[in-house]
Amino acid sequence: MKEATHSRSAPRPGWNLPKPDVIPRPTWWPAATALGIALFAWGLITSSVILVIGAGLLTTSIAGWIGEIRHERNQS
């Protein structure tokens, strides 16, 4: 079998290097934000306890997600 060679210096003629060169690391914040929104909406219909849990999770996850973005930007 022929082995693939990866060269970052010179792509094939007519090809470009993929953008972005660095992919951000995976994170759970988007999923936690979606769960917080779902619990918040469910709490509006059912119970104030679920509403408070959803609001807390939503606030925490948005703060964590923003912190993750700021951390990535500071490393660049």
PDB file of N, CA and C in Angstrom:
ATOM      1  N   MET A   1       0.831  -1.183   0.000  1.00  0.00           N
ATOM      2  CA  MET A   1       0.000   0.000   0.000  1.00  0.00           C
ATOM      3  C   MET A   1       0.874   1.244   0.000  1.00  0.00           C
ATOM      4  N   LYS A   2       0.371   2.241  -0.645  1.00  0.00           N
ATOM      5  CA  LYS A   2       1.093   3.500  -0.733  1.00  0.00           C
ATOM      6  C   LYS A   2       0.778   4.343   0.505  1.00  0.00           C
ATOM      7  N   GLU A   3       1.814   4.858   1.153  1.00  0.00           N
ATOM      8  CA  GLU A   3       1.624   5.675   2.344  1.00  0.00           C
ATOM      9  C   GLU A   3       1.372   7.124   1.954  1.00  0.00           C
ATOM     10  N   ALA A   4       0.493   7.749   2.680  1.00  0.00           N
ATOM     11  CA  ALA A   4       0.195   9.160   2.433  1.00  0.00           C
ATOM     12  C   ALA A   4       1.292  10.017   3.048  1.00  0.00           C
ATOM     13  N   THR A   5       1.694  11.015   2.339  1.00  0.00           N
ATOM     14  CA  THR A   5       2.682  11.947   2.865  1.00  0.00           C
ATOM     15  C   THR A   5       1.981  13.277   3.127  1.00  0.00           C
ATOM     16  N   HIS A   6       2.250  13.823   4.275  1.00  0.00           N
ATOM     17  CA  HIS A   6       1.643  15.092   4.662  1.00  0.00           C
ATOM     18  C   HIS A   6       2.715  16.158   4.650  1.00  0.00           C
ATOM     19  N   SER A   7       2.569  17.113   3.788  1.00  0.00           N
ATOM     20  CA  SER A   7       3.520  18.209   3.698  1.00  0.00           C
ATOM     21  C   SER A   7       2.792  19.519   3.960  1.00  0.00           C
ATOM     22  N   ARG A   8       3.196  20.222   5.003  1.00  0.00           N
ATOM     23  CA  ARG A   8       2.572  21.497   5.345  1.00  0.00           C
ATOM     24  C   ARG A   8       3.165  22.650   4.548  1.00  0.00           C
ATOM     25  N   SER A   9       4.337  22.441   3.963  1.00  0.00           N
ATOM     26  CA  SER A   9       5.009  23.556   3.306  1.00  0.00           C
ATOM     27  C   SER A   9       4.477  23.835   1.900  1.00  0.00           C
ATOM     28  N   ALA A  10       4.176  22.800   1.146  1.00  0.00           N
ATOM     29  CA  ALA A  10       3.770  23.034  -0.238  1.00  0.00           C
ATOM     30  C   ALA A  10       2.594  22.125  -0.607  1.00  0.00           C
ATOM     31  N   PRO A  11       1.380  22.682  -0.695  1.00  0.00           N
ATOM     32  CA  PRO A  11       0.256  21.858  -1.152  1.00  0.00           C
ATOM     33  C   PRO A  11       0.363  21.597  -2.650  1.00  0.00           C
ATOM     34  N   ARG A  12      -0.419  20.670  -3.119  1.00  0.00           N
ATOM     35  CA  ARG A  12      -0.440  20.365  -4.549  1.00  0.00           C
ATOM     36  C   ARG A  12      -0.843  21.611  -5.336  1.00  0.00           C
ATOM     37  N   PRO A  13      -0.442  21.670  -6.600  1.00  0.00           N
ATOM     38  CA  PRO A  13      -0.822  22.832  -7.413  1.00  0.00           C
ATOM     39  C   PRO A  13      -2.339  22.985  -7.503  1.00  0.00           C
ATOM     40  N   GLY A  14      -2.830  24.189  -7.246  1.00  0.00           N
ATOM     41  CA  GLY A  14      -4.257  24.466  -7.271  1.00  0.00           C
ATOM     42  C   GLY A  14      -4.957  24.203  -5.949  1.00  0.00           C
ATOM     43  N   TRP A  15      -4.249  23.660  -4.966  1.00  0.00           N
ATOM     44  CA  TRP A  15      -4.830  23.375  -3.653  1.00  0.00           C
ATOM     45  C   TRP A  15      -4.391  24.452  -2.668  1.00  0.00           C
ATOM     46  N   ASN A  16      -5.183  24.618  -1.611  1.00  0.00           N
ATOM     47  CA  ASN A  16      -4.841  25.543  -0.536  1.00  0.00           C
ATOM     48  C   ASN A  16      -4.741  24.781   0.770  1.00  0.00           C
ATOM     49  N   LEU A  17      -4.026  25.364   1.725  1.00  0.00           N
ATOM     50  CA  LEU A  17      -3.980  24.782   3.059  1.00  0.00           C
ATOM     51  C   LEU A  17      -5.326  25.004   3.742  1.00  0.00           C
ATOM     52  N   PRO A  18      -5.806  24.045   4.528  1.00  0.00           N
ATOM     53  CA  PRO A  18      -7.107  24.207   5.185  1.00  0.00           C
ATOM     54  C   PRO A  18      -7.062  25.301   6.248  1.00  0.00           C
ATOM     55  N   LYS A  19      -8.170  25.978   6.393  1.00  0.00           N
ATOM     56  CA  LYS A  19      -8.312  27.020   7.409  1.00  0.00           C
ATOM     57  C   LYS A  19      -9.398  26.607   8.369  1.00  0.00           C
ATOM     58  N   PRO A  20      -9.316  26.785   9.631  1.00  0.00           N
ATOM     59  CA  PRO A  20      -8.173  27.259  10.387  1.00  0.00           C
ATOM     60  C   PRO A  20      -7.125  26.160  10.537  1.00  0.00           C
ATOM     61  N   ASP A  21      -5.903  26.578  10.722  1.00  0.00           N
ATOM     62  CA  ASP A  21      -4.814  25.630  10.855  1.00  0.00           C
ATOM     63  C   ASP A  21      -4.884  24.914  12.203  1.00  0.00           C
ATOM     64  N   VAL A  22      -5.403  25.597  13.213  1.00  0.00           N
ATOM     65  CA  VAL A  22      -5.546  25.019  14.549  1.00  0.00           C
ATOM     66  C   VAL A  22      -7.033  24.877  14.861  1.00  0.00           C
ATOM     67  N   ILE A  23      -7.453  23.689  15.227  1.00  0.00           N
ATOM     68  CA  ILE A  23      -8.857  23.437  15.561  1.00  0.00           C
ATOM     69  C   ILE A  23      -9.018  23.580  17.074  1.00  0.00           C
ATOM     70  N   PRO A  24     -10.056  24.286  17.539  1.00  0.00           N
ATOM     71  CA  PRO A  24     -10.248  24.418  18.984  1.00  0.00           C
ATOM     72  C   PRO A  24     -10.540  23.077  19.632  1.00  0.00           C
ATOM     73  N   ARG A  25     -10.160  22.949  20.886  1.00  0.00           N
ATOM     74  CA  ARG A  25     -10.389  21.680  21.590  1.00  0.00           C
ATOM     75  C   ARG A  25     -11.879  21.502  21.875  1.00  0.00           C
ATOM     76  N   PRO A  26     -12.328  20.261  21.986  1.00  0.00           N
ATOM     77  CA  PRO A  26     -13.752  20.002  22.253  1.00  0.00           C
ATOM     78  C   PRO A  26     -14.164  20.511  23.637  1.00  0.00           C
ATOM     79  N   THR A  27     -15.411  20.896  23.765  1.00  0.00           N
ATOM     80  CA  THR A  27     -15.917  21.397  25.039  1.00  0.00           C
ATOM     81  C   THR A  27     -17.376  20.981  25.225  1.00  0.00           C
ATOM     82  N   TRP A  28     -17.805  20.909  26.467  1.00  0.00           N
ATOM     83  CA  TRP A  28     -19.176  20.539  26.813  1.00  0.00           C
ATOM     84  C   TRP A  28     -20.081  21.750  26.997  1.00  0.00           C
ATOM     85  N   TRP A  29     -19.545  22.952  26.931  1.00  0.00           N
ATOM     86  CA  TRP A  29     -20.347  24.150  27.211  1.00  0.00           C
ATOM     87  C   TRP A  29     -21.545  24.327  26.279  1.00  0.00           C
ATOM     88  N   PRO A  30     -21.448  24.072  24.984  1.00  0.00           N
ATOM     89  CA  PRO A  30     -22.646  24.215  24.142  1.00  0.00           C
ATOM     90  C   PRO A  30     -23.770  23.256  24.537  1.00  0.00           C
ATOM     91  N   ALA A  31     -23.422  22.028  24.886  1.00  0.00           N
ATOM     92  CA  ALA A  31     -24.442  21.063  25.311  1.00  0.00           C
ATOM     93  C   ALA A  31     -25.057  21.478  26.648  1.00  0.00           C
ATOM     94  N   ALA A  32     -24.236  21.979  27.557  1.00  0.00           N
ATOM     95  CA  ALA A  32     -24.754  22.437  28.850  1.00  0.00           C
ATOM     96  C   ALA A  32     -25.660  23.653  28.670  1.00  0.00           C
ATOM     97  N   THR A  33     -25.317  24.527  27.734  1.00  0.00           N
ATOM     98  CA  THR A  33     -26.165  25.685  27.448  1.00  0.00           C
ATOM     99  C   THR A  33     -27.520  25.243  26.904  1.00  0.00           C
ATOM    100  N   ALA A  34     -27.505  24.286  25.990  1.00  0.00           N
ATOM    101  CA  ALA A  34     -28.766  23.773  25.446  1.00  0.00           C
ATOM    102  C   ALA A  34     -29.615  23.130  26.533  1.00  0.00           C
ATOM    103  N   LEU A  35     -28.995  22.367  27.435  1.00  0.00           N
ATOM    104  CA  LEU A  35     -29.735  21.760  28.541  1.00  0.00           C
ATOM    105  C   LEU A  35     -30.296  22.830  29.475  1.00  0.00           C
ATOM    106  N   GLY A  36     -29.513  23.876  29.735  1.00  0.00           N
ATOM    107  CA  GLY A  36     -29.982  24.978  30.574  1.00  0.00           C
ATOM    108  C   GLY A  36     -31.181  25.684  29.967  1.00  0.00           C
ATOM    109  N   ILE A  37     -31.162  25.885  28.654  1.00  0.00           N
ATOM    110  CA  ILE A  37     -32.298  26.514  27.970  1.00  0.00           C
ATOM    111  C   ILE A  37     -33.531  25.616  28.070  1.00  0.00           C
ATOM    112  N   ALA A  38     -33.338  24.313  27.856  1.00  0.00           N
ATOM    113  CA  ALA A  38     -34.460  23.374  27.920  1.00  0.00           C
ATOM    114  C   ALA A  38     -35.059  23.326  29.332  1.00  0.00           C
ATOM    115  N   LEU A  39     -34.208  23.258  30.344  1.00  0.00           N
ATOM    116  CA  LEU A  39     -34.716  23.232  31.725  1.00  0.00           C
ATOM    117  C   LEU A  39     -35.388  24.546  32.094  1.00  0.00           C
ATOM    118  N   PHE A  40     -34.825  25.648  31.641  1.00  0.00           N
ATOM    119  CA  PHE A  40     -35.429  26.949  31.917  1.00  0.00           C
ATOM    120  C   PHE A  40     -36.827  27.034  31.301  1.00  0.00           C
ATOM    121  N   ALA A  41     -36.956  26.623  30.042  1.00  0.00           N
ATOM    122  CA  ALA A  41     -38.257  26.656  29.367  1.00  0.00           C
ATOM    123  C   ALA A  41     -39.241  25.693  30.022  1.00  0.00           C
ATOM    124  N   TRP A  42     -38.754  24.525  30.397  1.00  0.00           N
ATOM    125  CA  TRP A  42     -39.608  23.546  31.071  1.00  0.00           C
ATOM    126  C   TRP A  42     -40.055  24.083  32.433  1.00  0.00           C
ATOM    127  N   GLY A  43     -39.146  24.795  33.111  1.00  0.00           N
ATOM    128  CA  GLY A  43     -39.476  25.383  34.404  1.00  0.00           C
ATOM    129  C   GLY A  43     -40.513  26.484  34.306  1.00  0.00           C
ATOM    130  N   LEU A  44     -40.542  27.201  33.192  1.00  0.00           N
ATOM    131  CA  LEU A  44     -41.579  28.219  32.993  1.00  0.00           C
ATOM    132  C   LEU A  44     -42.973  27.581  32.984  1.00  0.00           C
ATOM    133  N   ILE A  45     -43.049  26.354  32.485  1.00  0.00           N
ATOM    134  CA  ILE A  45     -44.328  25.668  32.364  1.00  0.00           C
ATOM    135  C   ILE A  45     -44.687  24.902  33.636  1.00  0.00           C
ATOM    136  N   THR A  46     -43.698  24.281  34.283  1.00  0.00           N
ATOM    137  CA  THR A  46     -44.001  23.341  35.363  1.00  0.00           C
ATOM    138  C   THR A  46     -43.729  23.866  36.762  1.00  0.00           C
ATOM    139  N   SER A  47     -42.481  24.100  37.106  1.00  0.00           N
ATOM    140  CA  SER A  47     -42.123  24.336  38.500  1.00  0.00           C
ATOM    141  C   SER A  47     -41.030  25.391  38.622  1.00  0.00           C
ATOM    142  N   SER A  48     -41.095  26.140  39.689  1.00  0.00           N
ATOM    143  CA  SER A  48     -40.077  27.163  39.913  1.00  0.00           C
ATOM    144  C   SER A  48     -38.727  26.541  40.265  1.00  0.00           C
ATOM    145  N   VAL A  49     -38.730  25.326  40.827  1.00  0.00           N
ATOM    146  CA  VAL A  49     -37.474  24.647  41.159  1.00  0.00           C
ATOM    147  C   VAL A  49     -36.701  24.335  39.869  1.00  0.00           C
ATOM    148  N   ILE A  50     -37.383  23.792  38.879  1.00  0.00           N
ATOM    149  CA  ILE A  50     -36.746  23.482  37.601  1.00  0.00           C
ATOM    150  C   ILE A  50     -36.323  24.768  36.907  1.00  0.00           C
ATOM    151  N   LEU A  51     -37.108  25.816  37.044  1.00  0.00           N
ATOM    152  CA  LEU A  51     -36.768  27.115  36.473  1.00  0.00           C
ATOM    153  C   LEU A  51     -35.457  27.630  37.051  1.00  0.00           C
ATOM    154  N   VAL A  52     -35.295  27.540  38.360  1.00  0.00           N
ATOM    155  CA  VAL A  52     -34.077  28.019  39.018  1.00  0.00           C
ATOM    156  C   VAL A  52     -32.875  27.157  38.620  1.00  0.00           C
ATOM    157  N   ILE A  53     -33.060  25.852  38.564  1.00  0.00           N
ATOM    158  CA  ILE A  53     -31.977  24.962  38.138  1.00  0.00           C
ATOM    159  C   ILE A  53     -31.567  25.282  36.702  1.00  0.00           C
ATOM    160  N   GLY A  54     -32.535  25.454  35.816  1.00  0.00           N
ATOM    161  CA  GLY A  54     -32.241  25.799  34.429  1.00  0.00           C
ATOM    162  C   GLY A  54     -31.542  27.139  34.298  1.00  0.00           C
ATOM    163  N   ALA A  55     -32.007  28.129  35.063  1.00  0.00           N
ATOM    164  CA  ALA A  55     -31.365  29.452  35.016  1.00  0.00           C
ATOM    165  C   ALA A  55     -29.927  29.380  35.524  1.00  0.00           C
ATOM    166  N   GLY A  56     -29.710  28.610  36.587  1.00  0.00           N
ATOM    167  CA  GLY A  56     -28.354  28.448  37.117  1.00  0.00           C
ATOM    168  C   GLY A  56     -27.426  27.748  36.142  1.00  0.00           C
ATOM    169  N   LEU A  57     -27.930  26.677  35.540  1.00  0.00           N
ATOM    170  CA  LEU A  57     -27.129  25.951  34.563  1.00  0.00           C
ATOM    171  C   LEU A  57     -26.857  26.813  33.330  1.00  0.00           C
ATOM    172  N   LEU A  58     -27.860  27.543  32.883  1.00  0.00           N
ATOM    173  CA  LEU A  58     -27.698  28.417  31.722  1.00  0.00           C
ATOM    174  C   LEU A  58     -26.653  29.499  32.003  1.00  0.00           C
ATOM    175  N   THR A  59     -26.737  30.124  33.147  1.00  0.00           N
ATOM    176  CA  THR A  59     -25.777  31.173  33.514  1.00  0.00           C
ATOM    177  C   THR A  59     -24.364  30.624  33.630  1.00  0.00           C
ATOM    178  N   THR A  60     -24.237  29.480  34.307  1.00  0.00           N
ATOM    179  CA  THR A  60     -22.920  28.866  34.477  1.00  0.00           C
ATOM    180  C   THR A  60     -22.313  28.451  33.145  1.00  0.00           C
ATOM    181  N   SER A  61     -23.127  27.845  32.291  1.00  0.00           N
ATOM    182  CA  SER A  61     -22.593  27.356  31.021  1.00  0.00           C
ATOM    183  C   SER A  61     -22.218  28.500  30.082  1.00  0.00           C
ATOM    184  N   ILE A  62     -22.986  29.565  30.076  1.00  0.00           N
ATOM    185  CA  ILE A  62     -22.620  30.719  29.242  1.00  0.00           C
ATOM    186  C   ILE A  62     -21.320  31.344  29.749  1.00  0.00           C
ATOM    187  N   ALA A  63     -21.190  31.468  31.069  1.00  0.00           N
ATOM    188  CA  ALA A  63     -19.947  32.010  31.635  1.00  0.00           C
ATOM    189  C   ALA A  63     -18.758  31.100  31.309  1.00  0.00           C
ATOM    190  N   GLY A  64     -18.949  29.799  31.405  1.00  0.00           N
ATOM    191  CA  GLY A  64     -17.874  28.864  31.074  1.00  0.00           C
ATOM    192  C   GLY A  64     -17.502  28.907  29.614  1.00  0.00           C
ATOM    193  N   TRP A  65     -18.507  29.016  28.751  1.00  0.00           N
ATOM    194  CA  TRP A  65     -18.263  29.065  27.312  1.00  0.00           C
ATOM    195  C   TRP A  65     -17.503  30.336  26.946  1.00  0.00           C
ATOM    196  N   ILE A  66     -17.894  31.469  27.509  1.00  0.00           N
ATOM    197  CA  ILE A  66     -17.189  32.727  27.260  1.00  0.00           C
ATOM    198  C   ILE A  66     -15.760  32.640  27.803  1.00  0.00           C
ATOM    199  N   GLY A  67     -15.601  32.041  28.978  1.00  0.00           N
ATOM    200  CA  GLY A  67     -14.260  31.855  29.534  1.00  0.00           C
ATOM    201  C   GLY A  67     -13.389  30.985  28.648  1.00  0.00           C
ATOM    202  N   GLU A  68     -13.971  29.947  28.067  1.00  0.00           N
ATOM    203  CA  GLU A  68     -13.243  29.072  27.148  1.00  0.00           C
ATOM    204  C   GLU A  68     -12.801  29.850  25.901  1.00  0.00           C
ATOM    205  N   ILE A  69     -13.684  30.681  25.366  1.00  0.00           N
ATOM    206  CA  ILE A  69     -13.347  31.484  24.182  1.00  0.00           C
ATOM    207  C   ILE A  69     -12.226  32.480  24.516  1.00  0.00           C
ATOM    208  N   ARG A  70     -12.324  33.111  25.670  1.00  0.00           N
ATOM    209  CA  ARG A  70     -11.284  34.069  26.074  1.00  0.00           C
ATOM    210  C   ARG A  70      -9.951  33.374  26.271  1.00  0.00           C
ATOM    211  N   HIS A  71      -9.988  32.153  26.833  1.00  0.00           N
ATOM    212  CA  HIS A  71      -8.765  31.383  27.049  1.00  0.00           C
ATOM    213  C   HIS A  71      -8.105  31.024  25.707  1.00  0.00           C
ATOM    214  N   GLU A  72      -8.912  30.635  24.717  1.00  0.00           N
ATOM    215  CA  GLU A  72      -8.377  30.291  23.393  1.00  0.00           C
ATOM    216  C   GLU A  72      -7.770  31.520  22.723  1.00  0.00           C
ATOM    217  N   ARG A  73      -8.412  32.662  22.864  1.00  0.00           N
ATOM    218  CA  ARG A  73      -7.905  33.880  22.224  1.00  0.00           C
ATOM    219  C   ARG A  73      -6.614  34.344  22.858  1.00  0.00           C
ATOM    220  N   ASN A  74      -6.450  34.136  24.176  1.00  0.00           N
ATOM    221  CA  ASN A  74      -5.220  34.548  24.857  1.00  0.00           C
ATOM    222  C   ASN A  74      -4.045  33.667  24.485  1.00  0.00           C
ATOM    223  N   GLN A  75      -4.306  32.432  24.090  1.00  0.00           N
ATOM    224  CA  GLN A  75      -3.227  31.523  23.706  1.00  0.00           C
ATOM    225  C   GLN A  75      -2.705  31.814  22.311  1.00  0.00           C
ATOM    226  N   SER A  76      -3.496  32.460  21.468  1.00  0.00           N
ATOM    227  CA  SER A  76      -3.077  32.725  20.085  1.00  0.00           C
ATOM    228  C   SER A  76      -2.028  33.791  20.005  1.00  0.00           C
TER     229      SER A  76
END
